[in-house]
Amino acid sequence: MESLYLLLPMSLVVVGLTAGLLWWAVFSGQYDDPDEAAQSILTDDDSTVDASRDENVARLPQRTKHRS
């Protein structure tokens, strides 16, 4: 019975912190558009990355096959 005097306030603090974090997450816009990050990878323009990759490949020395 005496442990309830300790555990009950501790559990109320944990529930209060959890509710406060949920309140903050909802009202700060964390759940506004959950699909935006998933869609952004599909619409990402990688043309600048591909161009720099092609330039780096062009700078590599070309290997030639030596026949023995």
N, C-alpha and C. Protein backbone atom coordinates (compact mmCIF):
# COMPACT_ATOMS: atom_id res chain seq x y z
N MET A 1 0.81 -1.19 0.00
CA MET A 1 0.00 0.00 0.00
C MET A 1 0.87 1.26 0.00
N GLU A 2 1.97 1.19 0.71
CA GLU A 2 2.83 2.36 0.78
C GLU A 2 3.51 2.65 -0.55
N SER A 3 3.68 1.60 -1.38
CA SER A 3 4.30 1.82 -2.69
C SER A 3 3.40 2.62 -3.62
N LEU A 4 2.09 2.59 -3.38
CA LEU A 4 1.18 3.39 -4.19
C LEU A 4 1.41 4.88 -4.00
N TYR A 5 1.85 5.29 -2.84
CA TYR A 5 2.13 6.71 -2.59
C TYR A 5 3.28 7.20 -3.46
N LEU A 6 4.13 6.30 -3.90
CA LEU A 6 5.23 6.65 -4.79
C LEU A 6 4.87 6.42 -6.25
N LEU A 7 4.26 5.26 -6.53
CA LEU A 7 4.00 4.88 -7.92
C LEU A 7 2.89 5.70 -8.58
N LEU A 8 1.86 6.05 -7.84
CA LEU A 8 0.76 6.81 -8.42
C LEU A 8 1.20 8.20 -8.89
N PRO A 9 1.91 8.98 -8.09
CA PRO A 9 2.38 10.28 -8.61
C PRO A 9 3.38 10.14 -9.76
N MET A 10 4.22 9.12 -9.68
CA MET A 10 5.17 8.92 -10.79
C MET A 10 4.45 8.59 -12.09
N SER A 11 3.43 7.76 -12.02
CA SER A 11 2.70 7.42 -13.24
C SER A 11 1.92 8.61 -13.77
N LEU A 12 1.40 9.45 -12.87
CA LEU A 12 0.70 10.65 -13.32
C LEU A 12 1.65 11.63 -14.01
N VAL A 13 2.87 11.71 -13.53
CA VAL A 13 3.87 12.57 -14.18
C VAL A 13 4.20 12.04 -15.57
N VAL A 14 4.37 10.72 -15.69
CA VAL A 14 4.68 10.13 -17.00
C VAL A 14 3.53 10.34 -17.97
N VAL A 15 2.29 10.16 -17.51
CA VAL A 15 1.12 10.38 -18.37
C VAL A 15 1.04 11.85 -18.76
N GLY A 16 1.32 12.74 -17.83
CA GLY A 16 1.29 14.17 -18.14
C GLY A 16 2.35 14.56 -19.16
N LEU A 17 3.55 14.02 -19.02
CA LEU A 17 4.61 14.31 -20.00
C LEU A 17 4.26 13.76 -21.38
N THR A 18 3.70 12.56 -21.42
CA THR A 18 3.30 11.96 -22.69
C THR A 18 2.20 12.80 -23.35
N ALA A 19 1.22 13.21 -22.57
CA ALA A 19 0.15 14.04 -23.12
C ALA A 19 0.70 15.39 -23.59
N GLY A 20 1.63 15.95 -22.85
CA GLY A 20 2.23 17.23 -23.26
C GLY A 20 3.02 17.10 -24.55
N LEU A 21 3.77 16.02 -24.70
CA LEU A 21 4.52 15.82 -25.94
C LEU A 21 3.59 15.59 -27.13
N LEU A 22 2.51 14.86 -26.92
CA LEU A 22 1.54 14.65 -27.99
C LEU A 22 0.87 15.97 -28.37
N TRP A 23 0.51 16.77 -27.37
CA TRP A 23 -0.09 18.08 -27.61
C TRP A 23 0.86 18.95 -28.43
N TRP A 24 2.13 18.97 -28.05
CA TRP A 24 3.11 19.77 -28.77
C TRP A 24 3.27 19.29 -30.22
N ALA A 25 3.32 17.96 -30.40
CA ALA A 25 3.52 17.41 -31.74
C ALA A 25 2.35 17.74 -32.66
N VAL A 26 1.14 17.66 -32.14
CA VAL A 26 -0.03 17.94 -32.97
C VAL A 26 -0.10 19.41 -33.34
N PHE A 27 0.12 20.29 -32.38
CA PHE A 27 -0.06 21.72 -32.63
C PHE A 27 1.18 22.42 -33.17
N SER A 28 2.29 21.73 -33.31
CA SER A 28 3.46 22.35 -33.92
C SER A 28 3.60 21.94 -35.38
N GLY A 29 2.68 21.14 -35.89
CA GLY A 29 2.68 20.80 -37.30
C GLY A 29 3.41 19.53 -37.64
N GLN A 30 3.70 18.69 -36.68
CA GLN A 30 4.43 17.47 -36.96
C GLN A 30 3.62 16.49 -37.79
N TYR A 31 2.30 16.56 -37.72
CA TYR A 31 1.44 15.63 -38.44
C TYR A 31 0.68 16.30 -39.57
N ASP A 32 1.14 17.46 -40.04
CA ASP A 32 0.40 18.17 -41.08
C ASP A 32 0.34 17.41 -42.39
N ASP A 33 1.47 16.94 -42.89
CA ASP A 33 1.48 16.23 -44.16
C ASP A 33 2.45 15.05 -44.06
N PRO A 34 2.00 13.91 -43.55
CA PRO A 34 2.93 12.80 -43.36
C PRO A 34 3.37 12.15 -44.67
N ASP A 35 2.66 12.41 -45.78
CA ASP A 35 3.03 11.79 -47.05
C ASP A 35 4.01 12.63 -47.86
N GLU A 36 4.31 13.83 -47.41
CA GLU A 36 5.20 14.71 -48.18
C GLU A 36 6.60 14.11 -48.35
N ALA A 37 7.15 13.56 -47.29
CA ALA A 37 8.49 12.99 -47.37
C ALA A 37 8.51 11.77 -48.29
N ALA A 38 7.44 10.98 -48.27
CA ALA A 38 7.38 9.80 -49.13
C ALA A 38 7.25 10.20 -50.59
N GLN A 39 6.54 11.27 -50.87
CA GLN A 39 6.36 11.70 -52.26
C GLN A 39 7.56 12.47 -52.78
N SER A 40 8.32 13.09 -51.89
CA SER A 40 9.43 13.93 -52.35
C SER A 40 10.52 13.11 -53.02
N ILE A 41 10.67 11.86 -52.65
CA ILE A 41 11.70 11.05 -53.29
C ILE A 41 11.31 10.71 -54.73
N LEU A 42 10.01 10.68 -55.01
CA LEU A 42 9.56 10.38 -56.37
C LEU A 42 9.68 11.58 -57.28
N THR A 43 9.58 12.78 -56.73
CA THR A 43 9.64 13.98 -57.55
C THR A 43 10.99 14.67 -57.46
N ASP A 44 11.97 14.04 -56.88
CA ASP A 44 13.29 14.63 -56.72
C ASP A 44 13.97 14.74 -58.07
N ASP A 45 14.57 15.88 -58.34
CA ASP A 45 15.27 16.10 -59.59
C ASP A 45 16.74 15.78 -59.39
N ASP A 46 17.18 14.67 -59.93
CA ASP A 46 18.55 14.22 -59.76
C ASP A 46 19.44 14.57 -60.95
N SER A 47 19.01 15.49 -61.80
CA SER A 47 19.79 15.79 -63.00
C SER A 47 21.16 16.39 -62.63
N THR A 48 21.23 17.18 -61.59
CA THR A 48 22.53 17.76 -61.23
C THR A 48 23.46 16.70 -60.66
N VAL A 49 22.92 15.74 -59.96
CA VAL A 49 23.74 14.67 -59.40
C VAL A 49 24.26 13.78 -60.52
N ASP A 50 23.40 13.46 -61.49
CA ASP A 50 23.82 12.61 -62.60
C ASP A 50 24.88 13.30 -63.46
N ALA A 51 24.75 14.60 -63.67
CA ALA A 51 25.71 15.32 -64.50
C ALA A 51 27.09 15.32 -63.83
N SER A 52 27.14 15.55 -62.54
CA SER A 52 28.43 15.55 -61.87
C SER A 52 29.02 14.15 -61.84
N ARG A 53 28.17 13.13 -61.76
CA ARG A 53 28.66 11.76 -61.77
C ARG A 53 29.27 11.43 -63.14
N ASP A 54 28.63 11.89 -64.22
CA ASP A 54 29.15 11.63 -65.56
C ASP A 54 30.49 12.34 -65.77
N GLU A 55 30.64 13.54 -65.23
CA GLU A 55 31.92 14.25 -65.35
C GLU A 55 33.02 13.51 -64.61
N ASN A 56 32.72 12.97 -63.44
CA ASN A 56 33.71 12.23 -62.67
C ASN A 56 34.10 10.95 -63.38
N VAL A 57 33.15 10.30 -64.02
CA VAL A 57 33.45 9.07 -64.75
C VAL A 57 34.31 9.38 -65.96
N ALA A 58 34.05 10.52 -66.61
CA ALA A 58 34.83 10.89 -67.79
C ALA A 58 36.28 11.19 -67.42
N ARG A 59 36.54 11.63 -66.20
CA ARG A 59 37.91 11.95 -65.78
C ARG A 59 38.72 10.72 -65.42
N LEU A 60 38.08 9.59 -65.22
CA LEU A 60 38.81 8.39 -64.85
C LEU A 60 39.64 7.89 -66.02
N PRO A 61 40.81 7.39 -65.76
CA PRO A 61 41.61 6.84 -66.87
C PRO A 61 40.93 5.59 -67.42
N GLN A 62 40.97 5.49 -68.73
CA GLN A 62 40.35 4.36 -69.39
C GLN A 62 41.29 3.16 -69.34
N ARG A 63 40.75 2.03 -68.98
CA ARG A 63 41.55 0.81 -68.95
C ARG A 63 41.52 0.15 -70.32
N THR A 64 42.65 -0.30 -70.72
CA THR A 64 42.73 -1.01 -71.99
C THR A 64 43.10 -2.46 -71.70
N LYS A 65 42.58 -3.31 -72.53
CA LYS A 65 42.89 -4.73 -72.33
C LYS A 65 44.18 -5.05 -73.09
N HIS A 66 45.09 -5.66 -72.38
CA HIS A 66 46.35 -6.07 -73.00
C HIS A 66 46.25 -7.56 -73.31
N ARG A 67 46.51 -7.85 -74.53
CA ARG A 67 46.51 -9.26 -74.92
C ARG A 67 47.92 -9.82 -74.80
N SER A 68 47.99 -11.00 -74.21
CA SER A 68 49.31 -11.60 -74.04
C SER A 68 49.55 -12.68 -75.03
